[in-house]
All heavy atoms as atom14 arrays in JSON, in Angstrom:
{
  "sequence": "TLVAAANPCPCGWSGDRRCICSELKRRRYWGRLSGPLLDRLDLQLK",
  "atom14_mask": [
    [1, 1, 1, 1, 1, 1, 1, 0, 0, 0, 0, 0, 0, 0],
    [1, 1, 1, 1, 1, 1, 1, 1, 0, 0, 0, 0, 0, 0],
    [1, 1, 1, 1, 1, 1, 1, 0, 0, 0, 0, 0, 0, 0],
    [1, 1, 1, 1, 1, 0, 0, 0, 0, 0, 0, 0, 0, 0],
    [1, 1, 1, 1, 1, 0, 0, 0, 0, 0, 0, 0, 0, 0],
    [1, 1, 1, 1, 1, 0, 0, 0, 0, 0, 0, 0, 0, 0],
    [1, 1, 1, 1, 1, 1, 1, 1, 0, 0, 0, 0, 0, 0],
    [1, 1, 1, 1, 1, 1, 1, 0, 0, 0, 0, 0, 0, 0],
    [1, 1, 1, 1, 1, 1, 0, 0, 0, 0, 0, 0, 0, 0],
    [1, 1, 1, 1, 1, 1, 1, 0, 0, 0, 0, 0, 0, 0],
    [1, 1, 1, 1, 1, 1, 0, 0, 0, 0, 0, 0, 0, 0],
    [1, 1, 1, 1, 0, 0, 0, 0, 0, 0, 0, 0, 0, 0],
    [1, 1, 1, 1, 1, 1, 1, 1, 1, 1, 1, 1, 1, 1],
    [1, 1, 1, 1, 1, 1, 0, 0, 0, 0, 0, 0, 0, 0],
    [1, 1, 1, 1, 0, 0, 0, 0, 0, 0, 0, 0, 0, 0],
    [1, 1, 1, 1, 1, 1, 1, 1, 0, 0, 0, 0, 0, 0],
    [1, 1, 1, 1, 1, 1, 1, 1, 1, 1, 1, 0, 0, 0],
    [1, 1, 1, 1, 1, 1, 1, 1, 1, 1, 1, 0, 0, 0],
    [1, 1, 1, 1, 1, 1, 0, 0, 0, 0, 0, 0, 0, 0],
    [1, 1, 1, 1, 1, 1, 1, 1, 0, 0, 0, 0, 0, 0],
    [1, 1, 1, 1, 1, 1, 0, 0, 0, 0, 0, 0, 0, 0],
    [1, 1, 1, 1, 1, 1, 0, 0, 0, 0, 0, 0, 0, 0],
    [1, 1, 1, 1, 1, 1, 1, 1, 1, 0, 0, 0, 0, 0],
    [1, 1, 1, 1, 1, 1, 1, 1, 0, 0, 0, 0, 0, 0],
    [1, 1, 1, 1, 1, 1, 1, 1, 1, 0, 0, 0, 0, 0],
    [1, 1, 1, 1, 1, 1, 1, 1, 1, 1, 1, 0, 0, 0],
    [1, 1, 1, 1, 1, 1, 1, 1, 1, 1, 1, 0, 0, 0],
    [1, 1, 1, 1, 1, 1, 1, 1, 1, 1, 1, 0, 0, 0],
    [1, 1, 1, 1, 1, 1, 1, 1, 1, 1, 1, 1, 0, 0],
    [1, 1, 1, 1, 1, 1, 1, 1, 1, 1, 1, 1, 1, 1],
    [1, 1, 1, 1, 0, 0, 0, 0, 0, 0, 0, 0, 0, 0],
    [1, 1, 1, 1, 1, 1, 1, 1, 1, 1, 1, 0, 0, 0],
    [1, 1, 1, 1, 1, 1, 1, 1, 0, 0, 0, 0, 0, 0],
    [1, 1, 1, 1, 1, 1, 0, 0, 0, 0, 0, 0, 0, 0],
    [1, 1, 1, 1, 0, 0, 0, 0, 0, 0, 0, 0, 0, 0],
    [1, 1, 1, 1, 1, 1, 1, 0, 0, 0, 0, 0, 0, 0],
    [1, 1, 1, 1, 1, 1, 1, 1, 0, 0, 0, 0, 0, 0],
    [1, 1, 1, 1, 1, 1, 1, 1, 0, 0, 0, 0, 0, 0],
    [1, 1, 1, 1, 1, 1, 1, 1, 0, 0, 0, 0, 0, 0],
    [1, 1, 1, 1, 1, 1, 1, 1, 1, 1, 1, 0, 0, 0],
    [1, 1, 1, 1, 1, 1, 1, 1, 0, 0, 0, 0, 0, 0],
    [1, 1, 1, 1, 1, 1, 1, 1, 0, 0, 0, 0, 0, 0],
    [1, 1, 1, 1, 1, 1, 1, 1, 0, 0, 0, 0, 0, 0],
    [1, 1, 1, 1, 1, 1, 1, 1, 1, 0, 0, 0, 0, 0],
    [1, 1, 1, 1, 1, 1, 1, 1, 0, 0, 0, 0, 0, 0],
    [1, 1, 1, 1, 1, 1, 1, 1, 1, 0, 0, 0, 0, 0]
  ],
  "atom14_positions": [
    [[-35.4, -23.59, -56.38], [-36.43, -23.06, -57.27], [-36.88, -21.74, -56.68], [-37.45, -21.69, -55.6], [-37.62, -24.03, -57.38], [-37.19, -25.28, -57.9], [-38.7, -23.46, -58.27], [0.0, 0.0, 0.0], [0.0, 0.0, 0.0], [0.0, 0.0, 0.0], [0.0, 0.0, 0.0], [0.0, 0.0, 0.0], [0.0, 0.0, 0.0], [0.0, 0.0, 0.0]],
    [[-36.56, -20.66, -57.39], [-36.86, -19.32, -56.89], [-38.28, -18.94, -57.26], [-38.68, -19.03, -58.44], [-35.87, -18.32, -57.47], [-36.13, -16.85, -57.15], [-35.99, -16.59, -55.66], [-35.19, -15.94, -57.94], [0.0, 0.0, 0.0], [0.0, 0.0, 0.0], [0.0, 0.0, 0.0], [0.0, 0.0, 0.0], [0.0, 0.0, 0.0], [0.0, 0.0, 0.0]],
    [[-39.05, -18.49, -56.28], [-40.38, -17.91, -56.5], [-40.33, -16.49, -55.97], [-40.08, -16.28, -54.78], [-41.49, -18.73, -55.82], [-42.84, -18.09, -56.07], [-41.48, -20.16, -56.3], [0.0, 0.0, 0.0], [0.0, 0.0, 0.0], [0.0, 0.0, 0.0], [0.0, 0.0, 0.0], [0.0, 0.0, 0.0], [0.0, 0.0, 0.0], [0.0, 0.0, 0.0]],
    [[-40.54, -15.53, -56.86], [-40.54, -14.12, -56.47], [-41.94, -13.54, -56.67], [-42.65, -13.9, -57.61], [-39.52, -13.34, -57.31], [0.0, 0.0, 0.0], [0.0, 0.0, 0.0], [0.0, 0.0, 0.0], [0.0, 0.0, 0.0], [0.0, 0.0, 0.0], [0.0, 0.0, 0.0], [0.0, 0.0, 0.0], [0.0, 0.0, 0.0], [0.0, 0.0, 0.0]],
    [[-42.31, -12.66, -55.78], [-43.64, -12.02, -55.83], [-43.46, -10.51, -55.7], [-42.63, -10.03, -54.94], [-44.57, -12.56, -54.74], [0.0, 0.0, 0.0], [0.0, 0.0, 0.0], [0.0, 0.0, 0.0], [0.0, 0.0, 0.0], [0.0, 0.0, 0.0], [0.0, 0.0, 0.0], [0.0, 0.0, 0.0], [0.0, 0.0, 0.0], [0.0, 0.0, 0.0]],
    [[-44.26, -9.77, -56.47], [-44.16, -8.33, -56.43], [-45.5, -7.72, -56.81], [-46.32, -8.36, -57.49], [-43.06, -7.81, -57.39], [0.0, 0.0, 0.0], [0.0, 0.0, 0.0], [0.0, 0.0, 0.0], [0.0, 0.0, 0.0], [0.0, 0.0, 0.0], [0.0, 0.0, 0.0], [0.0, 0.0, 0.0], [0.0, 0.0, 0.0], [0.0, 0.0, 0.0]],
    [[-45.71, -6.47, -56.38], [-46.88, -5.71, -56.8], [-46.59, -5.06, -58.14], [-45.44, -4.79, -58.49], [-47.22, -4.65, -55.75], [-47.67, -5.27, -54.45], [-48.33, -6.3, -54.44], [-47.33, -4.62, -53.34], [0.0, 0.0, 0.0], [0.0, 0.0, 0.0], [0.0, 0.0, 0.0], [0.0, 0.0, 0.0], [0.0, 0.0, 0.0], [0.0, 0.0, 0.0]],
    [[-47.61, -4.76, -58.95], [-47.37, -4.15, -60.27], [-46.92, -2.7, -60.2], [-46.4, -2.17, -61.17], [-48.73, -4.29, -60.96], [-49.71, -4.37, -59.86], [-49.03, -5.07, -58.73], [0.0, 0.0, 0.0], [0.0, 0.0, 0.0], [0.0, 0.0, 0.0], [0.0, 0.0, 0.0], [0.0, 0.0, 0.0], [0.0, 0.0, 0.0], [0.0, 0.0, 0.0]],
    [[-47.11, -2.04, -59.06], [-46.7, -0.64, -58.92], [-46.53, -0.35, -57.43], [-46.87, -1.21, -56.58], [-47.76, 0.29, -59.55], [-49.34, 0.27, -58.7], [0.0, 0.0, 0.0], [0.0, 0.0, 0.0], [0.0, 0.0, 0.0], [0.0, 0.0, 0.0], [0.0, 0.0, 0.0], [0.0, 0.0, 0.0], [0.0, 0.0, 0.0], [0.0, 0.0, 0.0]],
    [[-46.01, 0.8, -57.03], [-45.79, 1.06, -55.6], [-47.04, 0.94, -54.74], [-46.98, 0.42, -53.61], [-45.25, 2.49, -55.59], [-44.58, 2.66, -56.92], [-45.42, 1.85, -57.88], [0.0, 0.0, 0.0], [0.0, 0.0, 0.0], [0.0, 0.0, 0.0], [0.0, 0.0, 0.0], [0.0, 0.0, 0.0], [0.0, 0.0, 0.0], [0.0, 0.0, 0.0]],
    [[-48.2, 1.39, -55.23], [-49.41, 1.3, -54.42], [-50.07, -0.09, -54.53], [-50.87, -0.47, -53.69], [-50.41, 2.38, -54.8], [-51.24, 2.12, -56.4], [0.0, 0.0, 0.0], [0.0, 0.0, 0.0], [0.0, 0.0, 0.0], [0.0, 0.0, 0.0], [0.0, 0.0, 0.0], [0.0, 0.0, 0.0], [0.0, 0.0, 0.0], [0.0, 0.0, 0.0]],
    [[-49.72, -0.83, -55.59], [-50.23, -2.18, -55.76], [-51.47, -2.33, -56.6], [-51.91, -3.43, -56.88], [0.0, 0.0, 0.0], [0.0, 0.0, 0.0], [0.0, 0.0, 0.0], [0.0, 0.0, 0.0], [0.0, 0.0, 0.0], [0.0, 0.0, 0.0], [0.0, 0.0, 0.0], [0.0, 0.0, 0.0], [0.0, 0.0, 0.0], [0.0, 0.0, 0.0]],
    [[-52.07, -1.2, -57.04], [-53.37, -1.27, -57.73], [-53.25, -0.78, -59.17], [-54.16, -0.12, -59.67], [-54.4, -0.45, -56.97], [-54.56, -0.86, -55.56], [-54.15, -0.19, -54.45], [-55.17, -2.05, -55.08], [-54.46, -0.88, -53.32], [-55.09, -2.03, -53.67], [-55.79, -3.14, -55.71], [-55.58, -3.05, -52.88], [-56.29, -4.17, -54.91], [-56.18, -4.12, -53.52]],
    [[-52.17, -1.1, -59.86], [-52.0, -0.66, -61.22], [-53.15, -1.19, -62.11], [-53.53, -2.36, -62.01], [-50.66, -1.17, -61.77], [-50.47, -0.8, -63.12], [0.0, 0.0, 0.0], [0.0, 0.0, 0.0], [0.0, 0.0, 0.0], [0.0, 0.0, 0.0], [0.0, 0.0, 0.0], [0.0, 0.0, 0.0], [0.0, 0.0, 0.0], [0.0, 0.0, 0.0]],
    [[-53.68, -0.31, -62.97], [-54.8, -0.69, -63.83], [-56.15, -0.55, -63.17], [-57.18, -0.79, -63.8], [0.0, 0.0, 0.0], [0.0, 0.0, 0.0], [0.0, 0.0, 0.0], [0.0, 0.0, 0.0], [0.0, 0.0, 0.0], [0.0, 0.0, 0.0], [0.0, 0.0, 0.0], [0.0, 0.0, 0.0], [0.0, 0.0, 0.0], [0.0, 0.0, 0.0]],
    [[-56.19, -0.15, -61.9], [-57.43, 0.03, -61.16], [-57.62, 1.51, -60.85], [-56.64, 2.27, -60.78], [-57.41, -0.81, -59.87], [-58.76, -0.86, -59.19], [-59.05, 0.08, -58.41], [-59.5, -1.83, -59.43], [0.0, 0.0, 0.0], [0.0, 0.0, 0.0], [0.0, 0.0, 0.0], [0.0, 0.0, 0.0], [0.0, 0.0, 0.0], [0.0, 0.0, 0.0]],
    [[-58.85, 1.91, -60.67], [-59.1, 3.33, -60.38], [-58.5, 3.75, -59.04], [-58.34, 4.96, -58.8], [-60.59, 3.59, -60.39], [-61.36, 2.83, -59.31], [-62.85, 3.1, -59.41], [-63.58, 2.41, -58.37], [-64.91, 2.46, -58.22], [-65.61, 3.2, -59.08], [-65.5, 1.81, -57.26], [0.0, 0.0, 0.0], [0.0, 0.0, 0.0], [0.0, 0.0, 0.0]],
    [[-58.16, 2.79, -58.19], [-57.56, 3.13, -56.91], [-56.08, 3.48, -57.04], [-55.47, 3.94, -56.07], [-57.73, 1.95, -55.93], [-59.15, 1.71, -55.47], [-59.26, 0.44, -54.65], [-59.13, -0.75, -55.5], [-59.24, -1.99, -55.03], [-59.43, -2.2, -53.73], [-59.12, -3.01, -55.84], [0.0, 0.0, 0.0], [0.0, 0.0, 0.0], [0.0, 0.0, 0.0]],
    [[-55.47, 3.21, -58.18], [-54.05, 3.44, -58.37], [-53.75, 4.94, -58.36], [-54.42, 5.73, -59.04], [-53.56, 2.81, -59.66], [-51.79, 3.01, -59.94], [0.0, 0.0, 0.0], [0.0, 0.0, 0.0], [0.0, 0.0, 0.0], [0.0, 0.0, 0.0], [0.0, 0.0, 0.0], [0.0, 0.0, 0.0], [0.0, 0.0, 0.0], [0.0, 0.0, 0.0]],
    [[-52.73, 5.34, -57.62], [-52.35, 6.74, -57.52], [-50.92, 6.96, -58.06], [-50.32, 8.0, -57.82], [-52.42, 7.23, -56.06], [-51.51, 6.36, -55.17], [-53.86, 7.2, -55.54], [-51.42, 6.86, -53.73], [0.0, 0.0, 0.0], [0.0, 0.0, 0.0], [0.0, 0.0, 0.0], [0.0, 0.0, 0.0], [0.0, 0.0, 0.0], [0.0, 0.0, 0.0]],
    [[-50.4, 5.98, -58.76], [-49.0, 6.03, -59.21], [-48.93, 6.61, -60.63], [-49.72, 6.24, -61.51], [-48.38, 4.65, -59.2], [-48.38, 3.86, -57.58], [0.0, 0.0, 0.0], [0.0, 0.0, 0.0], [0.0, 0.0, 0.0], [0.0, 0.0, 0.0], [0.0, 0.0, 0.0], [0.0, 0.0, 0.0], [0.0, 0.0, 0.0], [0.0, 0.0, 0.0]],
    [[-47.98, 7.47, -60.83], [-47.73, 8.01, -62.16], [-46.84, 7.04, -62.95], [-46.28, 6.09, -62.41], [-47.04, 9.38, -62.06], [-45.76, 9.23, -61.45], [0.0, 0.0, 0.0], [0.0, 0.0, 0.0], [0.0, 0.0, 0.0], [0.0, 0.0, 0.0], [0.0, 0.0, 0.0], [0.0, 0.0, 0.0], [0.0, 0.0, 0.0], [0.0, 0.0, 0.0]],
    [[-46.73, 7.31, -64.25], [-45.88, 6.47, -65.1], [-44.44, 6.54, -64.65], [-43.7, 5.54, -64.66], [-45.99, 6.92, -66.55], [-45.2, 6.07, -67.54], [-45.72, 4.64, -67.63], [-46.9, 4.42, -67.27], [-44.97, 3.77, -68.06], [0.0, 0.0, 0.0], [0.0, 0.0, 0.0], [0.0, 0.0, 0.0], [0.0, 0.0, 0.0], [0.0, 0.0, 0.0]],
    [[-43.98, 7.71, -64.2], [-42.6, 7.85, -63.72], [-42.38, 7.02, -62.47], [-41.33, 6.39, -62.32], [-42.31, 9.34, -63.45], [-40.91, 9.66, -62.91], [-39.84, 9.22, -63.92], [-40.78, 11.15, -62.61], [0.0, 0.0, 0.0], [0.0, 0.0, 0.0], [0.0, 0.0, 0.0], [0.0, 0.0, 0.0], [0.0, 0.0, 0.0], [0.0, 0.0, 0.0]],
    [[-43.36, 7.02, -61.57], [-43.26, 6.2, -60.35], [-43.13, 4.71, -60.69], [-42.34, 3.97, -60.07], [-44.45, 6.44, -59.44], [-44.31, 7.61, -58.5], [-45.48, 7.63, -57.5], [-45.3, 8.72, -56.49], [-46.39, 8.71, -55.49], [0.0, 0.0, 0.0], [0.0, 0.0, 0.0], [0.0, 0.0, 0.0], [0.0, 0.0, 0.0], [0.0, 0.0, 0.0]],
    [[-43.94, 4.27, -61.65], [-43.9, 2.86, -62.02], [-42.55, 2.51, -62.64], [-42.01, 1.44, -62.38], [-45.04, 2.53, -62.98], [-46.38, 2.35, -62.28], [-47.39, 1.72, -63.21], [-47.83, 2.68, -64.25], [-48.87, 3.48, -64.11], [-49.59, 3.47, -62.99], [-49.2, 4.32, -65.1], [0.0, 0.0, 0.0], [0.0, 0.0, 0.0], [0.0, 0.0, 0.0]],
    [[-42.0, 3.39, -63.45], [-40.7, 3.12, -64.06], [-39.61, 3.05, -62.99], [-38.7, 2.21, -63.07], [-40.37, 4.19, -65.1], [-41.17, 4.06, -66.38], [-40.77, 5.09, -67.41], [-41.47, 4.89, -68.68], [-41.04, 4.09, -69.64], [-39.89, 3.44, -69.49], [-41.72, 3.94, -70.75], [0.0, 0.0, 0.0], [0.0, 0.0, 0.0], [0.0, 0.0, 0.0]],
    [[-39.66, 3.95, -62.04], [-38.67, 3.91, -60.95], [-38.84, 2.66, -60.11], [-37.86, 2.06, -59.65], [-38.82, 5.15, -60.09], [-38.31, 6.42, -60.73], [-38.53, 7.61, -59.8], [-37.99, 8.84, -60.37], [-38.18, 10.04, -59.84], [-38.93, 10.19, -58.73], [-37.64, 11.11, -60.4], [0.0, 0.0, 0.0], [0.0, 0.0, 0.0], [0.0, 0.0, 0.0]],
    [[-40.09, 2.27, -59.94], [-40.38, 1.07, -59.13], [-39.77, -0.18, -59.76], [-39.06, -0.94, -59.1], [-41.89, 0.93, -58.99], [-42.37, -0.27, -58.18], [-42.26, -0.27, -56.8], [-42.93, -1.35, -58.82], [-42.72, -1.35, -56.07], [-43.41, -2.42, -58.1], [-43.29, -2.42, -56.72], [-43.74, -3.51, -56.0], [0.0, 0.0, 0.0], [0.0, 0.0, 0.0]],
    [[-39.98, -0.37, -61.08], [-39.42, -1.54, -61.74], [-37.94, -1.36, -62.07], [-37.24, -2.35, -62.36], [-40.21, -1.83, -63.02], [-41.49, -2.52, -62.7], [-42.73, -1.97, -62.61], [-41.64, -3.89, -62.35], [-43.65, -2.9, -62.25], [-43.01, -4.11, -62.08], [-40.77, -4.96, -62.25], [-43.54, -5.34, -61.73], [-41.27, -6.21, -61.9], [-42.63, -6.37, -61.64]],
    [[-37.46, -0.13, -61.97], [-36.04, 0.08, -62.17], [-35.2, -0.46, -61.03], [-33.97, -0.53, -61.14], [0.0, 0.0, 0.0], [0.0, 0.0, 0.0], [0.0, 0.0, 0.0], [0.0, 0.0, 0.0], [0.0, 0.0, 0.0], [0.0, 0.0, 0.0], [0.0, 0.0, 0.0], [0.0, 0.0, 0.0], [0.0, 0.0, 0.0], [0.0, 0.0, 0.0]],
    [[-35.83, -0.86, -59.93], [-35.1, -1.47, -58.82], [-34.61, -2.88, -59.17], [-33.76, -3.43, -58.48], [-35.99, -1.54, -57.57], [-36.5, -0.2, -57.09], [-37.46, -0.37, -55.94], [-38.08, 0.9, -55.55], [-39.02, 1.01, -54.62], [-39.46, -0.07, -53.98], [-39.54, 2.19, -54.34], [0.0, 0.0, 0.0], [0.0, 0.0, 0.0], [0.0, 0.0, 0.0]],
    [[-35.2, -3.47, -60.2], [-34.82, -4.82, -60.64], [-34.02, -4.71, -61.93], [-34.47, -4.05, -62.87], [-36.05, -5.7, -60.84], [-36.99, -5.85, -59.66], [-38.17, -6.73, -60.05], [-36.27, -6.43, -58.45], [0.0, 0.0, 0.0], [0.0, 0.0, 0.0], [0.0, 0.0, 0.0], [0.0, 0.0, 0.0], [0.0, 0.0, 0.0], [0.0, 0.0, 0.0]],
    [[-32.88, -5.34, -61.97], [-32.04, -5.27, -63.16], [-32.58, -6.22, -64.24], [-33.19, -7.26, -63.94], [-30.61, -5.63, -62.82], [-30.51, -6.99, -62.38], [0.0, 0.0, 0.0], [0.0, 0.0, 0.0], [0.0, 0.0, 0.0], [0.0, 0.0, 0.0], [0.0, 0.0, 0.0], [0.0, 0.0, 0.0], [0.0, 0.0, 0.0], [0.0, 0.0, 0.0]],
    [[-32.33, -5.86, -65.49], [-32.74, -6.72, -66.6], [-32.12, -8.11, -66.57], [-32.81, -9.1, -66.81], [0.0, 0.0, 0.0], [0.0, 0.0, 0.0], [0.0, 0.0, 0.0], [0.0, 0.0, 0.0], [0.0, 0.0, 0.0], [0.0, 0.0, 0.0], [0.0, 0.0, 0.0], [0.0, 0.0, 0.0], [0.0, 0.0, 0.0], [0.0, 0.0, 0.0]],
    [[-30.8, -8.24, -66.25], [-30.2, -9.59, -66.19], [-30.85, -10.5, -65.16], [-30.93, -11.7, -65.37], [-28.74, -9.3, -65.84], [-28.49, -7.93, -66.37], [-29.78, -7.19, -66.19], [0.0, 0.0, 0.0], [0.0, 0.0, 0.0], [0.0, 0.0, 0.0], [0.0, 0.0, 0.0], [0.0, 0.0, 0.0], [0.0, 0.0, 0.0], [0.0, 0.0, 0.0]],
    [[-31.33, -9.91, -64.03], [-32.0, -10.76, -63.03], [-33.37, -11.21, -63.56], [-33.71, -12.39, -63.46], [-32.17, -9.99, -61.72], [-32.96, -10.72, -60.63], [-32.21, -11.97, -60.18], [-33.22, -9.82, -59.44], [0.0, 0.0, 0.0], [0.0, 0.0, 0.0], [0.0, 0.0, 0.0], [0.0, 0.0, 0.0], [0.0, 0.0, 0.0], [0.0, 0.0, 0.0]],
    [[-34.16, -10.3, -64.11], [-35.46, -10.67, -64.64], [-35.32, -11.65, -65.81], [-36.18, -12.51, -66.02], [-36.21, -9.41, -65.12], [-36.72, -8.47, -64.02], [-37.25, -7.19, -64.64], [-37.77, -9.14, -63.17], [0.0, 0.0, 0.0], [0.0, 0.0, 0.0], [0.0, 0.0, 0.0], [0.0, 0.0, 0.0], [0.0, 0.0, 0.0], [0.0, 0.0, 0.0]],
    [[-34.23, -11.52, -66.54], [-34.0, -12.41, -67.68], [-33.79, -13.85, -67.24], [-33.99, -14.78, -68.04], [-32.76, -11.92, -68.44], [-32.85, -12.28, -69.92], [-33.98, -12.5, -70.4], [-31.82, -12.33, -70.59], [0.0, 0.0, 0.0], [0.0, 0.0, 0.0], [0.0, 0.0, 0.0], [0.0, 0.0, 0.0], [0.0, 0.0, 0.0], [0.0, 0.0, 0.0]],
    [[-33.41, -14.05, -65.98], [-33.16, -15.41, -65.48], [-34.41, -16.06, -64.88], [-34.35, -17.19, -64.41], [-32.05, -15.37, -64.42], [-30.66, -15.18, -65.0], [-29.62, -14.87, -63.94], [-28.27, -15.01, -64.45], [-27.62, -14.08, -65.12], [-28.24, -12.92, -65.37], [-26.38, -14.25, -65.55], [0.0, 0.0, 0.0], [0.0, 0.0, 0.0], [0.0, 0.0, 0.0]],
    [[-35.51, -15.35, -64.85], [-36.77, -15.9, -64.33], [-37.55, -16.47, -65.49], [-38.11, -15.75, -66.32], [-37.57, -14.81, -63.61], [-36.83, -14.13, -62.44], [-37.7, -13.05, -61.81], [-36.41, -15.15, -61.39], [0.0, 0.0, 0.0], [0.0, 0.0, 0.0], [0.0, 0.0, 0.0], [0.0, 0.0, 0.0], [0.0, 0.0, 0.0], [0.0, 0.0, 0.0]],
    [[-37.61, -17.82, -65.58], [-38.18, -18.48, -66.74], [-39.66, -18.19, -66.93], [-40.15, -18.03, -68.04], [-37.99, -20.0, -66.61], [-36.53, -20.38, -66.45], [-35.67, -19.48, -66.49], [-36.23, -21.58, -66.33], [0.0, 0.0, 0.0], [0.0, 0.0, 0.0], [0.0, 0.0, 0.0], [0.0, 0.0, 0.0], [0.0, 0.0, 0.0], [0.0, 0.0, 0.0]],
    [[-40.39, -18.18, -65.82], [-41.85, -18.0, -65.86], [-42.2, -16.66, -65.24], [-41.89, -16.41, -64.08], [-42.54, -19.14, -65.1], [-42.15, -20.58, -65.51], [-42.71, -21.58, -64.53], [-42.61, -20.86, -66.93], [0.0, 0.0, 0.0], [0.0, 0.0, 0.0], [0.0, 0.0, 0.0], [0.0, 0.0, 0.0], [0.0, 0.0, 0.0], [0.0, 0.0, 0.0]],
    [[-42.86, -15.81, -66.02], [-43.24, -14.47, -65.55], [-44.73, -14.28, -65.79], [-45.19, -14.26, -66.94], [-42.42, -13.41, -66.3], [-40.92, -13.57, -66.09], [-40.09, -12.71, -67.03], [-40.66, -11.95, -67.82], [-38.8, -12.83, -66.96], [0.0, 0.0, 0.0], [0.0, 0.0, 0.0], [0.0, 0.0, 0.0], [0.0, 0.0, 0.0], [0.0, 0.0, 0.0]],
    [[-45.47, -14.16, -64.71], [-46.93, -14.17, -64.79], [-47.5, -12.92, -64.15], [-47.05, -12.47, -63.09], [-47.5, -15.4, -64.09], [-47.42, -16.73, -64.85], [-47.91, -17.84, -63.98], [-48.24, -16.65, -66.12], [0.0, 0.0, 0.0], [0.0, 0.0, 0.0], [0.0, 0.0, 0.0], [0.0, 0.0, 0.0], [0.0, 0.0, 0.0], [0.0, 0.0, 0.0]],
    [[-48.54, -12.39, -64.8], [-49.3, -11.29, -64.23], [-50.63, -11.83, -63.73], [-51.4, -12.37, -64.51], [-49.53, -10.19, -65.28], [-50.25, -8.97, -64.72], [-50.38, -7.89, -65.76], [-51.1, -6.68, -65.21], [-51.27, -5.61, -66.23], [0.0, 0.0, 0.0], [0.0, 0.0, 0.0], [0.0, 0.0, 0.0], [0.0, 0.0, 0.0], [0.0, 0.0, 0.0]]
  ]
}
């Protein structure tokens, strides 16, 4: 049973005033994970 944990953005504070990440940074950050791998994770929670 795979349990994976990740931050929402490189700095970890996406949606908060402390976040210093641009939209391009966030896209590159999540681009490290392929769609087929994420597609195999049944439960995805924020």
